[in-house]
Each structure stands twice: as C-alpha cells, then as structure tokens.
Protein backbone atom coordinates (compact mmCIF):
# COMPACT_ATOMS: atom_id res chain seq x y z
CA MET A 1 138.08 91.58 62.00
CA PRO A 2 137.73 88.80 64.30
CA GLN A 3 139.53 89.94 67.33
CA GLU A 4 141.50 87.20 69.95
CA VAL A 5 141.76 88.35 73.47
CA GLN A 6 142.39 86.20 76.95
CA GLY A 7 139.50 85.79 78.66
CA ILE A 8 138.57 83.15 82.15
CA VAL A 9 136.48 80.53 81.19
CA ALA A 10 134.53 77.90 82.71
CA ARG A 11 134.58 74.23 80.81
CA SER A 12 132.33 71.79 83.67
CA LYS A 13 131.00 72.42 86.34
CA GLY A 14 132.77 72.78 89.40
CA ALA A 15 136.17 72.33 87.75
CA PRO A 16 137.77 75.24 88.46
CA VAL A 17 138.52 78.60 86.37
CA THR A 18 140.68 78.52 83.12
CA LEU A 19 142.96 81.52 81.22
CA GLU A 20 141.83 81.07 77.40
CA THR A 21 141.63 83.22 74.54
CA ILE A 22 138.82 84.26 73.13
CA VAL A 23 137.53 84.89 69.67
CA ILE A 24 135.35 87.84 69.64
CA PRO A 25 133.65 89.06 66.16
CA ASP A 26 132.67 92.05 64.89
CA PRO A 27 129.82 93.42 65.79
CA GLY A 28 126.79 92.56 63.63
CA PRO A 29 123.28 95.11 63.73
CA GLY A 30 122.85 96.64 67.41
CA GLU A 31 126.15 94.74 68.67
CA ALA A 32 128.77 96.67 70.08
CA VAL A 33 132.43 95.31 71.29
CA VAL A 34 133.33 96.48 74.78
CA LYS A 35 137.29 96.80 75.85
CA ILE A 36 136.87 95.47 79.65
CA GLN A 37 138.92 98.11 82.34
CA ALA A 38 137.12 96.57 85.60
CA CYS A 39 135.19 94.41 86.36
CA GLY A 40 133.81 92.37 89.62
CA VAL A 41 133.29 89.01 91.12
CA CYS A 42 129.85 88.25 91.77
CA HIS A 43 128.84 85.51 93.05
CA THR A 44 126.32 84.57 90.17
CA ASP A 45 129.43 83.94 88.32
CA LEU A 46 130.00 81.47 91.37
CA HIS A 47 126.70 80.16 90.50
CA TYR A 48 127.25 79.48 86.86
CA ARG A 49 130.46 77.68 87.60
CA GLU A 50 128.57 75.47 89.82
CA GLY A 51 126.05 74.62 87.54
CA GLY A 52 123.08 76.52 89.47
CA ILE A 53 122.04 79.15 87.02
CA ASN A 54 121.50 76.09 84.17
CA ASP A 55 124.26 74.11 81.85
CA GLU A 56 125.30 75.23 79.18
CA PHE A 57 128.90 75.19 79.64
CA PRO A 58 131.69 76.00 78.47
CA PHE A 59 131.02 79.72 79.95
CA LEU A 60 132.61 83.02 79.71
CA LEU A 61 132.03 84.13 83.58
CA GLY A 62 132.39 87.91 84.48
CA HIS A 63 128.89 90.50 84.01
CA GLU A 64 129.87 93.15 86.65
CA ALA A 65 131.79 96.30 84.79
CA ALA A 66 132.87 98.81 83.44
CA GLY A 67 134.44 99.72 80.19
CA THR A 68 134.71 101.71 77.15
CA VAL A 69 133.29 101.09 73.42
CA GLU A 70 135.55 99.83 70.88
CA SER A 71 132.95 99.35 68.11
CA VAL A 72 129.76 99.72 67.43
CA GLY A 73 127.08 97.52 64.70
CA GLU A 74 124.76 98.67 61.95
CA GLY A 75 121.74 100.72 63.55
CA VAL A 76 123.76 101.41 66.25
CA THR A 77 122.72 104.52 67.79
CA ASN A 78 122.62 104.84 71.73
CA VAL A 79 126.33 104.85 71.87
CA LYS A 80 129.59 105.07 69.74
CA PRO A 81 133.30 104.26 69.93
CA GLY A 82 134.81 106.14 72.56
CA ASP A 83 131.95 106.01 75.11
CA TYR A 84 132.42 105.19 78.38
CA VAL A 85 129.43 102.73 79.97
CA ILE A 86 128.66 100.61 82.44
CA LEU A 87 127.08 97.06 81.18
CA ASN A 88 123.84 95.92 82.03
CA TRP A 89 122.29 92.17 81.76
CA ARG A 90 119.04 93.99 81.31
CA ALA A 91 118.77 95.83 78.05
CA VAL A 92 115.12 96.40 77.70
CA CYS A 93 113.07 95.61 74.07
CA GLY A 94 110.70 98.87 73.92
CA THR A 95 107.79 96.33 73.41
CA CYS A 96 107.23 93.86 75.39
CA ARG A 97 103.68 94.21 77.55
CA SER A 98 105.65 95.17 80.04
CA CYS A 99 107.29 97.73 77.98
CA LEU A 100 103.93 99.04 76.68
CA LYS A 101 103.03 99.10 80.05
CA GLY A 102 105.59 101.86 81.12
CA LYS A 103 107.16 99.18 83.40
CA PRO A 104 110.48 98.55 81.73
CA TRP A 105 112.12 97.77 84.60
CA TYR A 106 110.24 94.00 84.06
CA CYS A 107 111.00 94.24 80.10
CA PHE A 108 110.14 90.42 79.85
CA SER A 109 112.69 90.66 76.26
CA THR A 110 115.99 91.49 77.07
CA PHE A 111 117.96 92.02 74.61
CA ASN A 112 121.80 90.10 74.16
CA ALA A 113 124.20 89.66 71.40
CA SER A 114 122.84 87.52 68.13
CA GLN A 115 126.52 86.28 67.54
CA LYS A 116 128.34 84.12 70.03
CA MET A 117 131.71 84.83 71.48
CA THR A 118 134.13 81.30 71.21
CA LEU A 119 137.78 79.28 71.70
CA THR A 120 139.70 79.18 69.19
CA ASP A 121 138.16 75.88 68.42
CA GLY A 122 135.05 76.98 67.27
CA THR A 123 133.33 76.11 70.45
CA GLU A 124 130.76 78.50 71.12
CA LEU A 125 130.65 80.63 74.79
CA SER A 126 126.94 80.72 77.09
CA PRO A 127 128.19 84.66 78.32
CA ALA A 128 127.19 85.15 82.18
CA LEU A 129 124.22 87.06 82.50
CA GLY A 130 124.94 87.85 78.25
CA ILE A 131 128.04 89.52 78.43
CA GLY A 132 131.15 87.54 80.16
CA ALA A 133 133.15 90.51 81.35
CA PHE A 134 136.20 88.29 82.32
CA VAL A 135 137.62 89.42 79.56
CA GLU A 136 139.96 92.22 77.54
CA LYS A 137 137.29 92.62 75.35
CA THR A 138 133.77 91.89 74.56
CA LEU A 139 130.46 91.07 72.13
CA VAL A 140 127.72 92.52 73.56
CA HIS A 141 124.43 94.58 72.50
CA SER A 142 124.17 97.93 72.51
CA GLY A 143 121.75 98.60 74.70
CA GLN A 144 123.61 96.52 77.29
CA CYS A 145 125.70 99.64 77.54
CA THR A 146 125.45 102.37 79.86
CA PRO A 147 126.90 105.53 79.12
CA VAL A 148 128.38 107.00 82.14
CA ASP A 149 130.98 110.67 83.50
CA PRO A 150 134.03 109.02 82.89
CA GLU A 151 135.73 110.46 85.45
CA ALA A 152 134.04 108.09 87.59
CA PRO A 153 136.48 104.80 88.41
CA ALA A 154 135.76 101.36 86.24
CA THR A 155 136.39 99.68 89.48
CA ALA A 156 133.48 101.36 91.16
CA ALA A 157 131.71 102.13 88.65
CA GLY A 158 131.35 98.87 87.48
CA LEU A 159 129.44 97.32 90.31
CA LEU A 160 126.36 98.90 89.11
CA GLY A 161 126.48 95.60 86.62
CA CYS A 162 124.87 93.99 88.88
CA GLY A 163 125.46 93.50 92.92
CA VAL A 164 125.54 96.58 94.26
CA MET A 165 122.14 97.77 92.27
CA ALA A 166 120.45 94.61 93.30
CA GLY A 167 120.83 95.76 97.05
CA LEU A 168 120.17 98.88 96.51
CA GLY A 169 117.38 98.29 94.45
CA ALA A 170 115.78 95.91 96.50
CA ALA A 171 115.67 99.03 99.15
CA MET A 172 114.92 102.44 96.88
CA ASN A 173 112.89 100.23 94.32
CA THR A 174 111.21 97.07 94.91
CA GLY A 175 110.99 97.78 99.15
CA ASN A 176 110.05 101.03 98.42
CA VAL A 177 111.89 102.25 101.53
CA GLY A 178 111.13 105.82 102.34
CA ARG A 179 111.80 108.24 105.34
CA GLY A 180 111.04 107.44 108.75
CA ASP A 181 111.07 103.44 107.98
CA SER A 182 112.36 100.18 109.71
CA VAL A 183 114.01 97.96 107.37
CA ALA A 184 115.86 94.63 108.26
CA VAL A 185 118.71 93.13 106.00
CA PHE A 186 119.25 89.08 106.71
CA GLY A 187 122.49 88.67 105.04
CA CYS A 188 125.43 91.89 105.18
CA GLY A 189 127.25 90.36 101.67
CA GLY A 190 127.83 92.66 99.18
CA VAL A 191 124.24 92.59 98.07
CA GLY A 192 122.84 93.33 101.28
CA ASP A 193 125.17 96.34 102.45
CA ALA A 194 124.26 97.52 98.87
CA ALA A 195 120.33 97.15 100.35
CA ILE A 196 121.39 98.58 103.90
CA ALA A 197 123.03 101.39 101.49
CA GLY A 198 119.92 101.82 99.76
CA ALA A 199 117.66 102.20 102.80
CA TYR A 200 119.51 105.08 103.97
CA LEU A 201 119.94 107.28 100.94
CA ALA A 202 116.14 106.71 100.68
CA GLY A 203 116.05 107.30 104.65
CA ALA A 204 115.14 105.15 106.70
CA SER A 205 115.28 105.93 110.63
CA THR A 206 116.24 102.23 111.88
CA ILE A 207 118.50 99.71 109.59
CA ILE A 208 118.75 96.65 111.32
CA ALA A 209 121.45 94.55 109.81
CA VAL A 210 121.19 90.16 110.31
CA ASP A 211 124.06 87.84 109.66
CA ILE A 212 126.09 84.69 111.44
CA ASP A 213 129.53 86.87 110.82
CA ASP A 214 131.33 89.36 113.08
CA GLN A 215 133.14 90.66 110.19
CA LYS A 216 130.31 91.52 108.15
CA LEU A 217 128.24 92.96 110.71
CA GLY A 218 131.01 95.60 110.76
CA TRP A 219 130.85 96.36 107.31
CA ALA A 220 126.92 96.97 107.81
CA THR A 221 127.67 99.20 110.31
CA ASP A 222 129.77 101.65 107.62
CA PHE A 223 127.22 101.37 104.90
CA GLY A 224 125.20 103.14 107.82
CA ALA A 225 123.26 100.19 109.49
CA THR A 226 122.28 101.37 112.99
CA HIS A 227 122.04 97.91 114.85
CA THR A 228 123.45 94.76 113.96
CA CYS A 229 121.95 91.46 115.22
CA ASN A 230 124.33 88.01 114.94
CA ALA A 231 121.57 85.52 114.04
CA ASN A 232 123.80 82.67 115.16
CA GLU A 233 123.68 84.10 119.21
CA THR A 234 120.20 85.96 119.19
CA ASP A 235 116.51 85.12 117.65
CA ALA A 236 116.81 87.29 115.16
CA VAL A 237 113.33 88.04 114.69
CA GLU A 238 113.14 88.33 118.28
CA TYR A 239 116.23 91.57 117.69
CA ILE A 240 114.28 93.04 115.02
CA LYS A 241 111.29 93.21 117.18
CA SER A 242 112.78 94.38 120.43
CA VAL A 243 114.30 97.56 118.60
CA THR A 244 111.36 98.34 115.82
CA GLY A 245 108.09 98.47 119.36
CA GLY A 246 107.91 95.27 119.18
CA ASN A 247 106.16 95.24 115.67
CA GLY A 248 108.24 94.51 113.14
CA ALA A 249 110.33 95.84 110.36
CA ASP A 250 108.06 98.06 107.94
CA VAL A 251 111.16 96.17 105.11
CA CYS A 252 112.54 92.89 104.79
CA ILE A 253 115.49 92.32 103.03
CA GLU A 254 116.30 88.81 101.70
CA ALA A 255 120.10 89.22 100.52
CA VAL A 256 120.85 85.08 100.87
CA GLY A 257 118.11 83.23 98.80
CA ASN A 258 118.29 80.61 101.71
CA PRO A 259 114.42 79.80 102.88
CA HIS A 260 114.36 79.45 106.20
CA VAL A 261 116.45 83.21 106.98
CA TYR A 262 113.30 83.98 104.03
CA LYS A 263 110.90 82.29 106.98
CA GLN A 264 112.46 84.72 109.29
CA ALA A 265 112.22 87.38 107.45
CA PHE A 266 108.38 86.92 107.05
CA GLU A 267 108.07 86.52 110.79
CA ALA A 268 109.94 89.76 110.99
CA ARG A 269 107.81 92.23 109.00
CA ASP A 270 105.27 94.51 110.87
CA LEU A 271 101.65 94.07 110.17
CA ALA A 272 101.82 95.56 106.35
CA GLY A 273 105.22 94.79 105.70
CA THR A 274 106.96 94.13 102.79
CA VAL A 275 109.48 90.98 102.13
CA VAL A 276 111.66 91.49 99.46
CA LEU A 277 113.86 88.45 97.71
CA VAL A 278 116.97 89.83 96.46
CA GLY A 279 119.35 86.08 97.69
CA VAL A 280 119.55 84.08 94.35
CA PRO A 281 118.15 80.45 96.30
CA HIS A 282 118.72 77.09 94.75
CA PRO A 283 116.49 75.34 92.03
CA ASP A 284 116.28 72.78 94.28
CA HIS A 285 114.74 74.81 97.04
CA THR A 286 111.03 75.01 98.54
CA ILE A 287 109.70 77.33 101.76
CA GLU A 288 106.13 76.43 103.70
CA LEU A 289 104.80 79.44 105.43
CA PRO A 290 101.65 79.52 107.54
CA PHE A 291 98.70 80.65 105.00
CA ILE A 292 96.71 82.08 107.72
CA GLU A 293 100.09 84.32 108.21
CA MET A 294 100.59 85.43 104.67
CA PHE A 295 96.64 86.96 104.89
CA GLY A 296 96.72 87.83 108.43
CA ARG A 297 99.41 90.02 108.47
CA GLY A 298 98.83 91.88 104.88
CA GLY A 299 101.19 93.52 102.95
CA SER A 300 103.52 92.29 100.12
CA LEU A 301 105.76 89.21 99.62
CA LYS A 302 108.50 90.41 95.88
CA SER A 303 110.77 89.24 94.61
CA SER A 304 113.40 91.46 93.24
CA TRP A 305 114.50 91.37 89.24
CA TYR A 306 117.95 93.68 89.34
CA GLY A 307 116.60 96.27 92.27
CA ASP A 308 114.10 96.36 89.67
CA CYS A 309 116.36 99.01 88.12
CA LEU A 310 115.70 100.75 85.40
CA PRO A 311 119.57 101.11 83.72
CA SER A 312 119.42 103.93 81.19
CA ARG A 313 117.91 105.95 84.40
CA ASP A 314 119.35 104.30 87.28
CA PHE A 315 123.26 104.34 86.89
CA PRO A 316 123.62 107.81 85.63
CA MET A 317 122.08 109.14 89.14
CA LEU A 318 124.03 106.64 91.51
CA ILE A 319 126.70 107.79 89.34
CA ASP A 320 125.58 111.03 90.22
CA LEU A 321 125.66 109.85 93.61
CA TYR A 322 129.00 108.77 94.21
CA GLN A 323 130.71 111.64 92.97
CA GLN A 324 128.80 114.01 95.17
CA GLY A 325 130.12 112.15 97.87
CA ARG A 326 126.67 110.40 99.14
CA LEU A 327 127.23 107.01 97.66
CA ASP A 328 130.34 105.21 98.46
CA LEU A 329 131.23 102.49 95.84
CA ASP A 330 134.65 102.57 96.65
CA ARG A 331 133.86 100.74 100.26
CA PHE A 332 132.73 97.59 98.17
CA VAL A 333 136.07 96.89 96.47
CA SER A 334 137.57 94.66 99.07
CA GLU A 335 141.28 94.35 96.54
CA THR A 336 141.76 94.73 93.31
CA ILE A 337 142.88 91.28 91.77
CA SER A 338 144.59 90.25 88.24
CA ILE A 339 142.13 88.68 85.10
CA GLY A 340 144.21 85.45 86.17
CA ASP A 341 143.02 85.70 89.95
CA VAL A 342 139.45 84.93 89.89
CA GLU A 343 139.55 81.06 90.88
CA GLU A 344 141.31 82.99 94.29
CA ALA A 345 138.57 85.56 94.56
CA PHE A 346 136.09 82.41 94.28
CA HIS A 347 137.16 80.89 97.28
CA LYS A 348 137.64 84.00 99.26
CA MET A 349 133.70 84.79 98.48
CA GLU A 350 133.57 81.19 99.55
CA ARG A 351 135.11 82.00 103.10
CA GLY A 352 133.40 86.13 103.43
CA GLU A 353 136.89 87.01 103.31
CA VAL A 354 136.22 89.72 101.05
CA LEU A 355 132.51 91.88 99.74
CA ARG A 356 133.76 92.06 96.35
CA SER A 357 137.15 91.57 94.43
CA VAL A 358 137.72 93.68 91.39
CA VAL A 359 139.78 92.24 88.06
CA VAL A 360 141.64 95.05 86.34
CA MET A 361 142.24 94.78 83.41
CA PRO A 362 146.26 95.58 82.69
C-alpha cells in the first residue's frame, strides 16, 4: 500500500521550502523504497529551489543520503530489504555506448524510478537528481542504491552521495592527481575541501587552497592544504606560480562555477597541466579564453561529472578509507539538524557558515 511520509518540497522558484505530506508508492519493477537515516544539505538543492536546474516544480529536495532498504520491486537482485545503502544519482545502465566502451562512470542513460512520488492531492513531484531524500522514505531505482558497511554512520556515509564524492573524484578520477603533483583548488566549500582531501589521499606534495574567506581557508588546511591564498588580498595566479617554482600547478580544480575563477584556474596551471571544472555554473554564464593559450599551454580542460565516479566501485572503497581513519568524513559535518530546519540551513550555506548541515531523520 502507498505510504504517507513527511518531506521537504520547493513549490516555486525562490520561495521558502515547506514540510509537506508525501505519498510514496509501492516499488515497481526495478525500484526500491529506502528509509532515509540522514541527508546532507547540498548546494545543488539550493540550485533547484532557485530554478537554476530546471523549472519542473514542485521539487522534492534532498539527494545526498544514506538509509536502509525497506522494500524492493519485481526483478531487483542487487539489493534486498535491510541493506544499508548510500543513494547515488548515476545508476549506470550497462548498455549505452559509454558503458559498452568500458566507461560506465560516463553512462549516458542512467536509471531513475519509473513511478512518481506525489503530494496528497496527486500533484507529481520532481525528485532532486532523481532521488528526493529530504523525506522519511523515498522511491528510487534499485541501481541508485549502493550497499556499504552498516557500521559507517549515515551522517558521514551519505555525504558520498554527492558533494564529497564530487570533490574527491574531481581530484582522484577526473584530475588523475598523482604522487608528487602540485594541485590548486579554487573554492573551499564542501566540494573544494573534498578535492583537497582527494589530492592529499592521492599523494600530491603541494596543495594550494584559494578562497576569499579566511575561515574556509582554515578548513582547507584541516583537509590537507599545504598553502592558502585569500584571492581578495593576493593575486591567486601569481601566488600559485610563486609556490610552484614559477610554473603553475599540475592540476587546477575549479569548485565555484564562476567564469572569472575558471579563468584564474586556466592561467594558474603549468604547461601540459589539467583544469577540472566541478563547480556548477549558472546556465547564463559564458567564458572567453585566448585561443592561442589553449593551444600553447597544452594539457586538458575537463568537466567532472559526479567526480567521474562509479558508485559500486568508489563508495565501498571510500567507506573503507573512512573506517581506517584515512578519510575524515566526519570533519565535513558542521551540524546535524531536523528536517524542518532545511530552509535555515540554506541560509547558513549562503552565508558560508557551514561545510555541511546534515538532516537526521527521527
């Protein structure tokens, strides 16, 4: 029987979110109902609320979550009731041209649940990133469920569902940071600090954090930055060159989604270096770069999709690193809140007061 639960909905562009009664259908073929334990408040949810993703309101927000599988539909074999899972928004299909090339992390035809969750009046909801996890229970495709060790607390594990994975993967997967590399990370929020943590894990010898907020630069140091630069006070490009022998960084990671910052990252990389864009730009933004510099500097300009991760491979591995004490996921959690505090958490995020607020379900 369909269930009624409480969840956070964005009804219209820019309006405060509201706590609503959500109707969750029984799982159909290939689907699963997951009881959410914790869900991080990610900047992407704010993008949805502001209409920066699309205009398919109302949205059921939340996507950075962990919980327990409650029930599964016909044909589901990858998870079973009782499994502890991290939710992901790139459930690979296995049959598209990218998957068949052996690059499933680029899957061009990812799965979502076929059925819609609704309001009590029957209004269909658009779940954020195909998940919708600011809710007591949610309906997803079973491929969006990645089983991990249940000993890992949901407040930490759930962060791998989006922002932390995006940052770690931008460094480790997209940027292919290696031992002894120099890395510059522009923007030291949750994603940027995860990129710093990923560069540290990968063995980078020089990790330069760039931001305009001294508090965030302090956080970056905690995650492994060896140098910091307040771009309001110091020319970031010149600073990066000054601490890399005048050359620039091997890998520059832009975690803001701002054309001006991206241009700084482009100018701050070494010859044959790599620029990775993981910050989400506004749809109206454009950028102009000197064409000869694109040729003359060589190297790569890359966009990182979800950290180019493969959840079935990366989530369990990163949970192992967390349990070994090598990846401090707990450090990303600035506060735990109730589901009714999401709107205020958005404001704290906008003011730069938190890395992550995490909703803990009762």
